[in-house]
Amino acid sequence: MTEIDHPPCLSCGACCSTFRVSFYWTESEPAAGGCVPPELTEKLNDFRAVMKGTNRPQPRCVALQGEVGGFTPCAIYANRPSPCREFLMALDDPEPDSACDRARERWGLPRLKPMPEPQKPSEVV
């Protein structure tokens, strides 16, 4: 499979190595209907869990396979937590400076969508 055959996320991994992934604890509690593998999580506080590896200054989710910028599938894609399910790839994000593109820049990867041109102040007549 080449880069062209799969979405940009599979050749990136920057978000998984930039942000803390925290979520309500029941997402990793099988008895509560959670599907995130509990062995890949840590307790953040009484209400929240965090993906192992993401609650530190240089985060990297334990479920990320491969190296940032290369082929980077998620080992638990079908069972990933809500922040990962809700994270928008830059091309799908209406925000001009998306979290996706900021993560990509942090890792020296090109933005998926260009920054908007700065607005010029209107001339007052």
PDB file of N, CA and C in Angstrom:
ATOM      1  N   MET A   1       0.847  -1.180   0.000  1.00  0.00           N
ATOM      2  CA  MET A   1       0.000   0.000   0.000  1.00  0.00           C
ATOM      3  C   MET A   1       0.889   1.237   0.000  1.00  0.00           C
ATOM      4  N   THR A   2       0.619   2.175  -0.857  1.00  0.00           N
ATOM      5  CA  THR A   2       1.396   3.409  -0.925  1.00  0.00           C
ATOM      6  C   THR A   2       0.687   4.505  -0.151  1.00  0.00           C
ATOM      7  N   GLU A   3       1.389   5.639   0.051  1.00  0.00           N
ATOM      8  CA  GLU A   3       0.777   6.766   0.762  1.00  0.00           C
ATOM      9  C   GLU A   3      -0.503   7.218   0.092  1.00  0.00           C
ATOM     10  N   ILE A   4      -0.559   7.135  -1.225  1.00  0.00           N
ATOM     11  CA  ILE A   4      -1.727   7.592  -1.968  1.00  0.00           C
ATOM     12  C   ILE A   4      -2.936   6.702  -1.702  1.00  0.00           C
ATOM     13  N   ASP A   5      -2.706   5.446  -1.340  1.00  0.00           N
ATOM     14  CA  ASP A   5      -3.796   4.501  -1.132  1.00  0.00           C
ATOM     15  C   ASP A   5      -4.486   4.642   0.223  1.00  0.00           C
ATOM     16  N   HIS A   6      -3.937   5.391   1.145  1.00  0.00           N
ATOM     17  CA  HIS A   6      -4.565   5.514   2.460  1.00  0.00           C
ATOM     18  C   HIS A   6      -4.652   6.975   2.882  1.00  0.00           C
ATOM     19  N   PRO A   7      -5.529   7.273   3.847  1.00  0.00           N
ATOM     20  CA  PRO A   7      -5.717   8.656   4.280  1.00  0.00           C
ATOM     21  C   PRO A   7      -4.449   9.230   4.918  1.00  0.00           C
ATOM     22  N   PRO A   8      -4.312  10.561   4.930  1.00  0.00           N
ATOM     23  CA  PRO A   8      -3.117  11.202   5.490  1.00  0.00           C
ATOM     24  C   PRO A   8      -2.813  10.791   6.932  1.00  0.00           C
ATOM     25  N   CYS A   9      -3.828  10.461   7.714  1.00  0.00           N
ATOM     26  CA  CYS A   9      -3.600  10.080   9.113  1.00  0.00           C
ATOM     27  C   CYS A   9      -2.675   8.873   9.236  1.00  0.00           C
ATOM     28  N   LEU A  10      -2.768   7.950   8.305  1.00  0.00           N
ATOM     29  CA  LEU A  10      -1.955   6.739   8.384  1.00  0.00           C
ATOM     30  C   LEU A  10      -0.500   6.970   8.005  1.00  0.00           C
ATOM     31  N   SER A  11      -0.183   8.158   7.540  1.00  0.00           N
ATOM     32  CA  SER A  11       1.216   8.476   7.257  1.00  0.00           C
ATOM     33  C   SER A  11       1.629   9.704   8.065  1.00  0.00           C
ATOM     34  N   CYS A  12       1.073   9.821   9.257  1.00  0.00           N
ATOM     35  CA  CYS A  12       1.336  10.988  10.096  1.00  0.00           C
ATOM     36  C   CYS A  12       1.647  10.550  11.523  1.00  0.00           C
ATOM     37  N   GLY A  13       0.608  10.390  12.362  1.00  0.00           N
ATOM     38  CA  GLY A  13       0.797  10.012  13.758  1.00  0.00           C
ATOM     39  C   GLY A  13       1.157  11.175  14.669  1.00  0.00           C
ATOM     40  N   ALA A  14       1.184  12.390  14.133  1.00  0.00           N
ATOM     41  CA  ALA A  14       1.591  13.545  14.938  1.00  0.00           C
ATOM     42  C   ALA A  14       0.645  13.809  16.105  1.00  0.00           C
ATOM     43  N   CYS A  15      -0.656  13.667  15.896  1.00  0.00           N
ATOM     44  CA  CYS A  15      -1.602  13.935  16.991  1.00  0.00           C
ATOM     45  C   CYS A  15      -1.379  12.959  18.146  1.00  0.00           C
ATOM     46  N   CYS A  16      -1.056  11.715  17.830  1.00  0.00           N
ATOM     47  CA  CYS A  16      -0.838  10.680  18.844  1.00  0.00           C
ATOM     48  C   CYS A  16       0.460  10.902  19.615  1.00  0.00           C
ATOM     49  N   SER A  17       1.316  11.774  19.097  1.00  0.00           N
ATOM     50  CA  SER A  17       2.605  12.060  19.724  1.00  0.00           C
ATOM     51  C   SER A  17       2.723  13.530  20.117  1.00  0.00           C
ATOM     52  N   THR A  18       1.573  14.182  20.271  1.00  0.00           N
ATOM     53  CA  THR A  18       1.566  15.598  20.646  1.00  0.00           C
ATOM     54  C   THR A  18       0.631  15.882  21.819  1.00  0.00           C
ATOM     55  N   PHE A  19      -0.524  15.246  21.833  1.00  0.00           N
ATOM     56  CA  PHE A  19      -1.560  15.598  22.801  1.00  0.00           C
ATOM     57  C   PHE A  19      -1.781  14.522  23.859  1.00  0.00           C
ATOM     58  N   ARG A  20      -2.232  14.965  25.045  1.00  0.00           N
ATOM     59  CA  ARG A  20      -2.679  14.018  26.071  1.00  0.00           C
ATOM     60  C   ARG A  20      -4.051  13.518  25.658  1.00  0.00           C
ATOM     61  N   VAL A  21      -4.268  12.228  25.759  1.00  0.00           N
ATOM     62  CA  VAL A  21      -5.552  11.621  25.402  1.00  0.00           C
ATOM     63  C   VAL A  21      -6.244  11.199  26.694  1.00  0.00           C
ATOM     64  N   SER A  22      -7.125  12.070  27.198  1.00  0.00           N
ATOM     65  CA  SER A  22      -7.855  11.759  28.427  1.00  0.00           C
ATOM     66  C   SER A  22      -9.341  11.660  28.123  1.00  0.00           C
ATOM     67  N   PHE A  23     -10.031  10.829  28.901  1.00  0.00           N
ATOM     68  CA  PHE A  23     -11.434  10.531  28.641  1.00  0.00           C
ATOM     69  C   PHE A  23     -12.087  10.019  29.915  1.00  0.00           C
ATOM     70  N   TYR A  24     -13.408   9.991  29.921  1.00  0.00           N
ATOM     71  CA  TYR A  24     -14.154   9.513  31.081  1.00  0.00           C
ATOM     72  C   TYR A  24     -13.791   8.055  31.340  1.00  0.00           C
ATOM     73  N   TRP A  25     -13.553   7.705  32.595  1.00  0.00           N
ATOM     74  CA  TRP A  25     -13.009   6.405  32.972  1.00  0.00           C
ATOM     75  C   TRP A  25     -13.819   5.211  32.475  1.00  0.00           C
ATOM     76  N   THR A  26     -15.130   5.368  32.283  1.00  0.00           N
ATOM     77  CA  THR A  26     -15.944   4.214  31.870  1.00  0.00           C
ATOM     78  C   THR A  26     -15.605   3.718  30.469  1.00  0.00           C
ATOM     79  N   GLU A  27     -14.951   4.552  29.656  1.00  0.00           N
ATOM     80  CA  GLU A  27     -14.573   4.113  28.313  1.00  0.00           C
ATOM     81  C   GLU A  27     -13.575   2.957  28.355  1.00  0.00           C
ATOM     82  N   SER A  28     -12.862   2.817  29.472  1.00  0.00           N
ATOM     83  CA  SER A  28     -11.901   1.721  29.596  1.00  0.00           C
ATOM     84  C   SER A  28     -12.301   0.727  30.684  1.00  0.00           C
ATOM     85  N   GLU A  29     -13.563   0.738  31.047  1.00  0.00           N
ATOM     86  CA  GLU A  29     -14.074  -0.186  32.066  1.00  0.00           C
ATOM     87  C   GLU A  29     -15.044  -1.160  31.414  1.00  0.00           C
ATOM     88  N   PRO A  30     -14.613  -2.406  31.159  1.00  0.00           N
ATOM     89  CA  PRO A  30     -15.484  -3.375  30.486  1.00  0.00           C
ATOM     90  C   PRO A  30     -16.845  -3.559  31.176  1.00  0.00           C
ATOM     91  N   ALA A  31     -16.871  -3.556  32.506  1.00  0.00           N
ATOM     92  CA  ALA A  31     -18.131  -3.743  33.231  1.00  0.00           C
ATOM     93  C   ALA A  31     -19.103  -2.592  32.988  1.00  0.00           C
ATOM     94  N   ALA A  32     -18.583  -1.432  32.588  1.00  0.00           N
ATOM     95  CA  ALA A  32     -19.427  -0.266  32.313  1.00  0.00           C
ATOM     96  C   ALA A  32     -19.699  -0.111  30.818  1.00  0.00           C
ATOM     97  N   GLY A  33     -19.294  -1.106  30.034  1.00  0.00           N
ATOM     98  CA  GLY A  33     -19.529  -1.056  28.591  1.00  0.00           C
ATOM     99  C   GLY A  33     -18.416  -0.406  27.795  1.00  0.00           C
ATOM    100  N   GLY A  34     -17.301  -0.093  28.448  1.00  0.00           N
ATOM    101  CA  GLY A  34     -16.179   0.538  27.753  1.00  0.00           C
ATOM    102  C   GLY A  34     -15.457  -0.427  26.831  1.00  0.00           C
ATOM    103  N   CYS A  35     -14.875   0.104  25.769  1.00  0.00           N
ATOM    104  CA  CYS A  35     -14.193  -0.755  24.798  1.00  0.00           C
ATOM    105  C   CYS A  35     -12.698  -0.465  24.676  1.00  0.00           C
ATOM    106  N   VAL A  36     -12.200   0.592  25.327  1.00  0.00           N
ATOM    107  CA  VAL A  36     -10.769   0.895  25.280  1.00  0.00           C
ATOM    108  C   VAL A  36     -10.054  -0.119  26.174  1.00  0.00           C
ATOM    109  N   PRO A  37      -9.035  -0.808  25.663  1.00  0.00           N
ATOM    110  CA  PRO A  37      -8.332  -1.804  26.481  1.00  0.00           C
ATOM    111  C   PRO A  37      -7.758  -1.179  27.759  1.00  0.00           C
ATOM    112  N   PRO A  38      -8.231  -1.605  28.934  1.00  0.00           N
ATOM    113  CA  PRO A  38      -7.797  -0.981  30.186  1.00  0.00           C
ATOM    114  C   PRO A  38      -6.295  -1.093  30.432  1.00  0.00           C
ATOM    115  N   GLU A  39      -5.655  -2.126  29.909  1.00  0.00           N
ATOM    116  CA  GLU A  39      -4.216  -2.287  30.116  1.00  0.00           C
ATOM    117  C   GLU A  39      -3.393  -1.221  29.380  1.00  0.00           C
ATOM    118  N   LEU A  40      -4.036  -0.474  28.491  1.00  0.00           N
ATOM    119  CA  LEU A  40      -3.347   0.600  27.769  1.00  0.00           C
ATOM    120  C   LEU A  40      -3.662   1.976  28.345  1.00  0.00           C
ATOM    121  N   THR A  41      -4.334   1.994  29.506  1.00  0.00           N
ATOM    122  CA  THR A  41      -4.724   3.265  30.117  1.00  0.00           C
ATOM    123  C   THR A  41      -4.155   3.393  31.520  1.00  0.00           C
ATOM    124  N   GLU A  42      -4.174   4.619  32.025  1.00  0.00           N
ATOM    125  CA  GLU A  42      -3.778   4.920  33.396  1.00  0.00           C
ATOM    126  C   GLU A  42      -4.839   5.827  34.000  1.00  0.00           C
ATOM    127  N   LYS A  43      -4.956   5.784  35.315  1.00  0.00           N
ATOM    128  CA  LYS A  43      -5.886   6.669  36.008  1.00  0.00           C
ATOM    129  C   LYS A  43      -5.311   8.080  36.013  1.00  0.00           C
ATOM    130  N   LEU A  44      -6.101   9.044  35.596  1.00  0.00           N
ATOM    131  CA  LEU A  44      -5.695  10.450  35.639  1.00  0.00           C
ATOM    132  C   LEU A  44      -6.199  11.086  36.934  1.00  0.00           C
ATOM    133  N   ASN A  45      -7.471  10.847  37.240  1.00  0.00           N
ATOM    134  CA  ASN A  45      -8.074  11.288  38.498  1.00  0.00           C
ATOM    135  C   ASN A  45      -9.283  10.394  38.758  1.00  0.00           C
ATOM    136  N   ASP A  46     -10.132  10.758  39.699  1.00  0.00           N
ATOM    137  CA  ASP A  46     -11.277   9.905  40.033  1.00  0.00           C
ATOM    138  C   ASP A  46     -12.279   9.751  38.897  1.00  0.00           C
ATOM    139  N   PHE A  47     -12.241  10.630  37.923  1.00  0.00           N
ATOM    140  CA  PHE A  47     -13.239  10.609  36.858  1.00  0.00           C
ATOM    141  C   PHE A  47     -12.673  10.342  35.471  1.00  0.00           C
ATOM    142  N   ARG A  48     -11.372  10.505  35.311  1.00  0.00           N
ATOM    143  CA  ARG A  48     -10.784  10.426  33.972  1.00  0.00           C
ATOM    144  C   ARG A  48      -9.634   9.432  33.925  1.00  0.00           C
ATOM    145  N   ALA A  49      -9.520   8.807  32.767  1.00  0.00           N
ATOM    146  CA  ALA A  49      -8.386   7.936  32.452  1.00  0.00           C
ATOM    147  C   ALA A  49      -7.603   8.603  31.329  1.00  0.00           C
ATOM    148  N   VAL A  50      -6.422   8.099  31.075  1.00  0.00           N
ATOM    149  CA  VAL A  50      -5.564   8.654  30.029  1.00  0.00           C
ATOM    150  C   VAL A  50      -4.877   7.488  29.320  1.00  0.00           C
ATOM    151  N   MET A  51      -4.675   7.631  28.022  1.00  0.00           N
ATOM    152  CA  MET A  51      -3.922   6.611  27.299  1.00  0.00           C
ATOM    153  C   MET A  51      -2.477   6.648  27.796  1.00  0.00           C
ATOM    154  N   LYS A  52      -1.920   5.477  28.080  1.00  0.00           N
ATOM    155  CA  LYS A  52      -0.535   5.404  28.535  1.00  0.00           C
ATOM    156  C   LYS A  52       0.372   6.081  27.517  1.00  0.00           C
ATOM    157  N   GLY A  53       1.327   6.803  28.049  1.00  0.00           N
ATOM    158  CA  GLY A  53       2.302   7.476  27.210  1.00  0.00           C
ATOM    159  C   GLY A  53       1.935   8.897  26.830  1.00  0.00           C
ATOM    160  N   THR A  54       0.681   9.302  27.063  1.00  0.00           N
ATOM    161  CA  THR A  54       0.277  10.642  26.625  1.00  0.00           C
ATOM    162  C   THR A  54       0.252  11.680  27.745  1.00  0.00           C
ATOM    163  N   ASN A  55       0.434  11.269  28.982  1.00  0.00           N
ATOM    164  CA  ASN A  55       0.385  12.213  30.101  1.00  0.00           C
ATOM    165  C   ASN A  55       1.804  12.542  30.568  1.00  0.00           C
ATOM    166  N   ARG A  56       2.596  13.049  29.646  1.00  0.00           N
ATOM    167  CA  ARG A  56       3.978  13.421  29.953  1.00  0.00           C
ATOM    168  C   ARG A  56       4.411  14.535  29.000  1.00  0.00           C
ATOM    169  N   PRO A  57       5.527  15.193  29.283  1.00  0.00           N
ATOM    170  CA  PRO A  57       5.952  16.319  28.443  1.00  0.00           C
ATOM    171  C   PRO A  57       6.179  15.960  26.973  1.00  0.00           C
ATOM    172  N   GLN A  58       6.682  14.777  26.694  1.00  0.00           N
ATOM    173  CA  GLN A  58       6.893  14.316  25.317  1.00  0.00           C
ATOM    174  C   GLN A  58       5.925  13.160  25.064  1.00  0.00           C
ATOM    175  N   PRO A  59       4.635  13.443  24.831  1.00  0.00           N
ATOM    176  CA  PRO A  59       3.648  12.367  24.731  1.00  0.00           C
ATOM    177  C   PRO A  59       3.829  11.480  23.503  1.00  0.00           C
ATOM    178  N   ARG A  60       3.459  10.230  23.673  1.00  0.00           N
ATOM    179  CA  ARG A  60       3.352   9.285  22.563  1.00  0.00           C
ATOM    180  C   ARG A  60       2.433   8.169  23.041  1.00  0.00           C
ATOM    181  N   CYS A  61       1.306   8.026  22.393  1.00  0.00           N
ATOM    182  CA  CYS A  61       0.328   7.012  22.776  1.00  0.00           C
ATOM    183  C   CYS A  61       0.908   5.616  22.554  1.00  0.00           C
ATOM    184  N   VAL A  62       0.680   4.723  23.521  1.00  0.00           N
ATOM    185  CA  VAL A  62       1.191   3.355  23.401  1.00  0.00           C
ATOM    186  C   VAL A  62       0.531   2.589  22.264  1.00  0.00           C
ATOM    187  N   ALA A  63      -0.625   3.034  21.815  1.00  0.00           N
ATOM    188  CA  ALA A  63      -1.324   2.332  20.729  1.00  0.00           C
ATOM    189  C   ALA A  63      -0.824   2.747  19.343  1.00  0.00           C
ATOM    190  N   LEU A  64      -0.003   3.790  19.278  1.00  0.00           N
ATOM    191  CA  LEU A  64       0.526   4.234  17.985  1.00  0.00           C
ATOM    192  C   LEU A  64       1.614   3.275  17.525  1.00  0.00           C
ATOM    193  N   GLN A  65       1.468   2.773  16.319  1.00  0.00           N
ATOM    194  CA  GLN A  65       2.479   1.897  15.733  1.00  0.00           C
ATOM    195  C   GLN A  65       3.263   2.693  14.697  1.00  0.00           C
ATOM    196  N   GLY A  66       4.519   2.376  14.512  1.00  0.00           N
ATOM    197  CA  GLY A  66       5.334   3.068  13.523  1.00  0.00           C
ATOM    198  C   GLY A  66       5.930   4.343  14.074  1.00  0.00           C
ATOM    199  N   GLU A  67       6.558   5.097  13.186  1.00  0.00           N
ATOM    200  CA  GLU A  67       7.212   6.346  13.551  1.00  0.00           C
ATOM    201  C   GLU A  67       6.461   7.521  12.938  1.00  0.00           C
ATOM    202  N   VAL A  68       6.402   8.622  13.678  1.00  0.00           N
ATOM    203  CA  VAL A  68       5.715   9.823  13.198  1.00  0.00           C
ATOM    204  C   VAL A  68       6.256  10.197  11.821  1.00  0.00           C
ATOM    205  N   GLY A  69       5.333  10.427  10.903  1.00  0.00           N
ATOM    206  CA  GLY A  69       5.688  10.775   9.534  1.00  0.00           C
ATOM    207  C   GLY A  69       5.769   9.576   8.612  1.00  0.00           C
ATOM    208  N   GLY A  70       5.763   8.376   9.178  1.00  0.00           N
ATOM    209  CA  GLY A  70       5.772   7.147   8.387  1.00  0.00           C
ATOM    210  C   GLY A  70       4.418   6.476   8.469  1.00  0.00           C
ATOM    211  N   PHE A  71       4.374   5.180   8.203  1.00  0.00           N
ATOM    212  CA  PHE A  71       3.116   4.443   8.296  1.00  0.00           C
ATOM    213  C   PHE A  71       2.799   4.263   9.773  1.00  0.00           C
ATOM    214  N   THR A  72       1.694   4.853  10.233  1.00  0.00           N
ATOM    215  CA  THR A  72       1.391   4.915  11.667  1.00  0.00           C
ATOM    216  C   THR A  72      -0.035   4.477  11.985  1.00  0.00           C
ATOM    217  N   PRO A  73      -0.340   3.204  11.865  1.00  0.00           N
ATOM    218  CA  PRO A  73      -1.686   2.769  12.239  1.00  0.00           C
ATOM    219  C   PRO A  73      -1.863   2.756  13.758  1.00  0.00           C
ATOM    220  N   CYS A  74      -3.105   2.800  14.189  1.00  0.00           N
ATOM    221  CA  CYS A  74      -3.454   2.693  15.602  1.00  0.00           C
ATOM    222  C   CYS A  74      -3.742   1.227  15.905  1.00  0.00           C
ATOM    223  N   ALA A  75      -3.099   0.695  16.937  1.00  0.00           N
ATOM    224  CA  ALA A  75      -3.278  -0.710  17.299  1.00  0.00           C
ATOM    225  C   ALA A  75      -4.686  -0.999  17.813  1.00  0.00           C
ATOM    226  N   ILE A  76      -5.401   0.029  18.264  1.00  0.00           N
ATOM    227  CA  ILE A  76      -6.751  -0.176  18.812  1.00  0.00           C
ATOM    228  C   ILE A  76      -7.775   0.688  18.086  1.00  0.00           C
ATOM    229  N   TYR A  77      -7.574   0.921  16.807  1.00  0.00           N
ATOM    230  CA  TYR A  77      -8.423   1.849  16.055  1.00  0.00           C
ATOM    231  C   TYR A  77      -9.917   1.612  16.295  1.00  0.00           C
ATOM    232  N   ALA A  78     -10.379   0.388  16.222  1.00  0.00           N
ATOM    233  CA  ALA A  78     -11.808   0.098  16.402  1.00  0.00           C
ATOM    234  C   ALA A  78     -12.268   0.341  17.835  1.00  0.00           C
ATOM    235  N   ASN A  79     -11.329   0.364  18.779  1.00  0.00           N
ATOM    236  CA  ASN A  79     -11.658   0.539  20.195  1.00  0.00           C
ATOM    237  C   ASN A  79     -11.008   1.782  20.796  1.00  0.00           C
ATOM    238  N   ARG A  80     -10.683   2.750  19.961  1.00  0.00           N
ATOM    239  CA  ARG A  80     -10.014   3.958  20.440  1.00  0.00           C
ATOM    240  C   ARG A  80     -10.975   4.806  21.280  1.00  0.00           C
ATOM    241  N   PRO A  81     -10.428   5.636  22.184  1.00  0.00           N
ATOM    242  CA  PRO A  81     -11.278   6.468  23.040  1.00  0.00           C
ATOM    243  C   PRO A  81     -11.913   7.637  22.285  1.00  0.00           C
ATOM    244  N   SER A  82     -12.885   8.256  22.929  1.00  0.00           N
ATOM    245  CA  SER A  82     -13.651   9.332  22.291  1.00  0.00           C
ATOM    246  C   SER A  82     -12.802  10.503  21.787  1.00  0.00           C
ATOM    247  N   PRO A  83     -11.756  10.961  22.506  1.00  0.00           N
ATOM    248  CA  PRO A  83     -10.985  12.077  21.938  1.00  0.00           C
ATOM    249  C   PRO A  83     -10.375  11.723  20.578  1.00  0.00           C
ATOM    250  N   CYS A  84      -9.991  10.482  20.409  1.00  0.00           N
ATOM    251  CA  CYS A  84      -9.417  10.051  19.125  1.00  0.00           C
ATOM    252  C   CYS A  84     -10.503   9.949  18.059  1.00  0.00           C
ATOM    253  N   ARG A  85     -11.669   9.488  18.450  1.00  0.00           N
ATOM    254  CA  ARG A  85     -12.785   9.390  17.495  1.00  0.00           C
ATOM    255  C   ARG A  85     -13.239  10.772  17.039  1.00  0.00           C
ATOM    256  N   GLU A  86     -13.146  11.752  17.934  1.00  0.00           N
ATOM    257  CA  GLU A  86     -13.649  13.098  17.655  1.00  0.00           C
ATOM    258  C   GLU A  86     -12.594  14.025  17.060  1.00  0.00           C
ATOM    259  N   PHE A  87     -11.335  13.625  17.081  1.00  0.00           N
ATOM    260  CA  PHE A  87     -10.257  14.477  16.569  1.00  0.00           C
ATOM    261  C   PHE A  87     -10.404  14.631  15.063  1.00  0.00           C
ATOM    262  N   LEU A  88     -10.401  15.865  14.594  1.00  0.00           N
ATOM    263  CA  LEU A  88     -10.594  16.125  13.169  1.00  0.00           C
ATOM    264  C   LEU A  88      -9.274  16.281  12.433  1.00  0.00           C
ATOM    265  N   MET A  89      -9.144  15.562  11.335  1.00  0.00           N
ATOM    266  CA  MET A  89      -8.030  15.777  10.433  1.00  0.00           C
ATOM    267  C   MET A  89      -8.188  17.196   9.879  1.00  0.00           C
ATOM    268  N   ALA A  90      -7.092  17.873   9.631  1.00  0.00           N
ATOM    269  CA  ALA A  90      -7.133  19.277   9.198  1.00  0.00           C
ATOM    270  C   ALA A  90      -8.063  19.512   8.018  1.00  0.00           C
ATOM    271  N   LEU A  91      -8.086  18.604   7.069  1.00  0.00           N
ATOM    272  CA  LEU A  91      -8.929  18.801   5.885  1.00  0.00           C
ATOM    273  C   LEU A  91     -10.415  18.783   6.221  1.00  0.00           C
ATOM    274  N   ASP A  92     -10.785  18.180   7.361  1.00  0.00           N
ATOM    275  CA  ASP A  92     -12.182  18.108   7.784  1.00  0.00           C
ATOM    276  C   ASP A  92     -12.529  19.142   8.849  1.00  0.00           C
ATOM    277  N   ASP A  93     -11.540  19.871   9.329  1.00  0.00           N
ATOM    278  CA  ASP A  93     -11.731  20.814  10.424  1.00  0.00           C
ATOM    279  C   ASP A  93     -12.041  22.205   9.871  1.00  0.00           C
ATOM    280  N   PRO A  94     -13.153  22.824  10.304  1.00  0.00           N
ATOM    281  CA  PRO A  94     -13.481  24.162   9.811  1.00  0.00           C
ATOM    282  C   PRO A  94     -12.541  25.247  10.351  1.00  0.00           C
ATOM    283  N   GLU A  95     -11.818  24.954  11.432  1.00  0.00           N
ATOM    284  CA  GLU A  95     -10.901  25.947  11.999  1.00  0.00           C
ATOM    285  C   GLU A  95      -9.721  26.170  11.055  1.00  0.00           C
ATOM    286  N   PRO A  96      -9.332  27.425  10.844  1.00  0.00           N
ATOM    287  CA  PRO A  96      -8.220  27.694   9.925  1.00  0.00           C
ATOM    288  C   PRO A  96      -6.876  27.181  10.436  1.00  0.00           C
ATOM    289  N   ASP A  97      -6.685  27.145  11.757  1.00  0.00           N
ATOM    290  CA  ASP A  97      -5.436  26.653  12.335  1.00  0.00           C
ATOM    291  C   ASP A  97      -5.780  25.457  13.211  1.00  0.00           C
ATOM    292  N   SER A  98      -5.960  24.312  12.601  1.00  0.00           N
ATOM    293  CA  SER A  98      -6.455  23.132  13.303  1.00  0.00           C
ATOM    294  C   SER A  98      -5.403  22.506  14.214  1.00  0.00           C
ATOM    295  N   ALA A  99      -5.872  21.771  15.221  1.00  0.00           N
ATOM    296  CA  ALA A  99      -4.973  21.029  16.105  1.00  0.00           C
ATOM    297  C   ALA A  99      -4.148  20.034  15.302  1.00  0.00           C
ATOM    298  N   CYS A 100      -4.745  19.460  14.279  1.00  0.00           N
ATOM    299  CA  CYS A 100      -4.038  18.516  13.410  1.00  0.00           C
ATOM    300  C   CYS A 100      -2.827  19.189  12.770  1.00  0.00           C
ATOM    301  N   ASP A 101      -3.033  20.327  12.149  1.00  0.00           N
ATOM    302  CA  ASP A 101      -1.921  21.005  11.486  1.00  0.00           C
ATOM    303  C   ASP A 101      -0.881  21.500  12.489  1.00  0.00           C
ATOM    304  N   ARG A 102      -1.313  21.938  13.674  1.00  0.00           N
ATOM    305  CA  ARG A 102      -0.342  22.357  14.699  1.00  0.00           C
ATOM    306  C   ARG A 102       0.521  21.175  15.131  1.00  0.00           C
ATOM    307  N   ALA A 103      -0.088  19.994  15.281  1.00  0.00           N
ATOM    308  CA  ALA A 103       0.679  18.795  15.642  1.00  0.00           C
ATOM    309  C   ALA A 103       1.649  18.428  14.524  1.00  0.00           C
ATOM    310  N   ARG A 104       1.172  18.499  13.288  1.00  0.00           N
ATOM    311  CA  ARG A 104       2.039  18.180  12.146  1.00  0.00           C
ATOM    312  C   ARG A 104       3.245  19.123  12.105  1.00  0.00           C
ATOM    313  N   GLU A 105       3.009  20.415  12.323  1.00  0.00           N
ATOM    314  CA  GLU A 105       4.108  21.384  12.320  1.00  0.00           C
ATOM    315  C   GLU A 105       5.119  21.082  13.418  1.00  0.00           C
ATOM    316  N   ARG A 106       4.629  20.666  14.583  1.00  0.00           N
ATOM    317  CA  ARG A 106       5.522  20.333  15.700  1.00  0.00           C
ATOM    318  C   ARG A 106       6.508  19.238  15.303  1.00  0.00           C
ATOM    319  N   TRP A 107       6.078  18.342  14.439  1.00  0.00           N
ATOM    320  CA  TRP A 107       6.921  17.227  13.998  1.00  0.00           C
ATOM    321  C   TRP A 107       7.600  17.496  12.657  1.00  0.00           C
ATOM    322  N   GLY A 108       7.500  18.719  12.167  1.00  0.00           N
ATOM    323  CA  GLY A 108       8.168  19.064  10.917  1.00  0.00           C
ATOM    324  C   GLY A 108       7.469  18.538   9.676  1.00  0.00           C
ATOM    325  N   LEU A 109       6.197  18.189   9.814  1.00  0.00           N
ATOM    326  CA  LEU A 109       5.417  17.707   8.672  1.00  0.00           C
ATOM    327  C   LEU A 109       4.659  18.880   8.053  1.00  0.00           C
ATOM    328  N   PRO A 110       4.415  18.842   6.762  1.00  0.00           N
ATOM    329  CA  PRO A 110       3.685  19.951   6.131  1.00  0.00           C
ATOM    330  C   PRO A 110       2.225  19.991   6.580  1.00  0.00           C
ATOM    331  N   ARG A 111       1.675  21.184   6.624  1.00  0.00           N
ATOM    332  CA  ARG A 111       0.259  21.353   6.946  1.00  0.00           C
ATOM    333  C   ARG A 111      -0.576  20.687   5.861  1.00  0.00           C
ATOM    334  N   LEU A 112      -1.750  20.193   6.228  1.00  0.00           N
ATOM    335  CA  LEU A 112      -2.656  19.611   5.237  1.00  0.00           C
ATOM    336  C   LEU A 112      -3.464  20.687   4.532  1.00  0.00           C
ATOM    337  N   LYS A 113      -3.671  21.813   5.218  1.00  0.00           N
ATOM    338  CA  LYS A 113      -4.329  22.938   4.550  1.00  0.00           C
ATOM    339  C   LYS A 113      -3.559  24.196   4.903  1.00  0.00           C
ATOM    340  N   PRO A 114      -3.383  25.071   3.929  1.00  0.00           N
ATOM    341  CA  PRO A 114      -2.575  26.269   4.160  1.00  0.00           C
ATOM    342  C   PRO A 114      -3.224  27.207   5.166  1.00  0.00           C
ATOM    343  N   MET A 115      -2.384  27.969   5.848  1.00  0.00           N
ATOM    344  CA  MET A 115      -2.889  28.992   6.764  1.00  0.00           C
ATOM    345  C   MET A 115      -3.616  30.045   5.944  1.00  0.00           C
ATOM    346  N   PRO A 116      -4.714  30.584   6.464  1.00  0.00           N
ATOM    347  CA  PRO A 116      -5.415  31.645   5.735  1.00  0.00           C
ATOM    348  C   PRO A 116      -4.561  32.907   5.686  1.00  0.00           C
ATOM    349  N   GLU A 117      -4.763  33.666   4.637  1.00  0.00           N
ATOM    350  CA  GLU A 117      -4.065  34.947   4.511  1.00  0.00           C
ATOM    351  C   GLU A 117      -4.583  35.884   5.598  1.00  0.00           C
ATOM    352  N   PRO A 118      -3.682  36.661   6.220  1.00  0.00           N
ATOM    353  CA  PRO A 118      -4.153  37.609   7.234  1.00  0.00           C
ATOM    354  C   PRO A 118      -5.095  38.633   6.612  1.00  0.00           C
ATOM    355  N   GLN A 119      -6.130  38.970   7.356  1.00  0.00           N
ATOM    356  CA  GLN A 119      -7.087  39.976   6.894  1.00  0.00           C
ATOM    357  C   GLN A 119      -6.428  41.345   6.933  1.00  0.00           C
ATOM    358  N   LYS A 120      -6.591  42.107   5.860  1.00  0.00           N
ATOM    359  CA  LYS A 120      -6.088  43.476   5.829  1.00  0.00           C
ATOM    360  C   LYS A 120      -7.143  44.373   6.464  1.00  0.00           C
ATOM    361  N   PRO A 121      -6.696  45.303   7.302  1.00  0.00           N
ATOM    362  CA  PRO A 121      -7.686  46.198   7.911  1.00  0.00           C
ATOM    363  C   PRO A 121      -8.411  46.999   6.830  1.00  0.00           C
ATOM    364  N   SER A 122      -9.690  47.170   7.025  1.00  0.00           N
ATOM    365  CA  SER A 122     -10.487  47.953   6.068  1.00  0.00           C
ATOM    366  C   SER A 122     -10.049  49.406   6.127  1.00  0.00           C
ATOM    367  N   GLU A 123     -10.005  49.993   4.962  1.00  0.00           N
ATOM    368  CA  GLU A 123      -9.657  51.410   4.916  1.00  0.00           C
ATOM    369  C   GLU A 123     -10.866  52.228   5.351  1.00  0.00           C
ATOM    370  N   VAL A 124     -10.629  53.131   6.271  1.00  0.00           N
ATOM    371  CA  VAL A 124     -11.699  54.004   6.748  1.00  0.00           C
ATOM    372  C   VAL A 124     -11.771  55.203   5.817  1.00  0.00           C
ATOM    373  N   VAL A 125     -12.966  55.492   5.335  1.00  0.00           N
ATOM    374  CA  VAL A 125     -13.149  56.605   4.398  1.00  0.00           C
ATOM    375  C   VAL A 125     -13.690  57.804   5.119  1.00  0.00           C
TER     376      VAL A 125
END
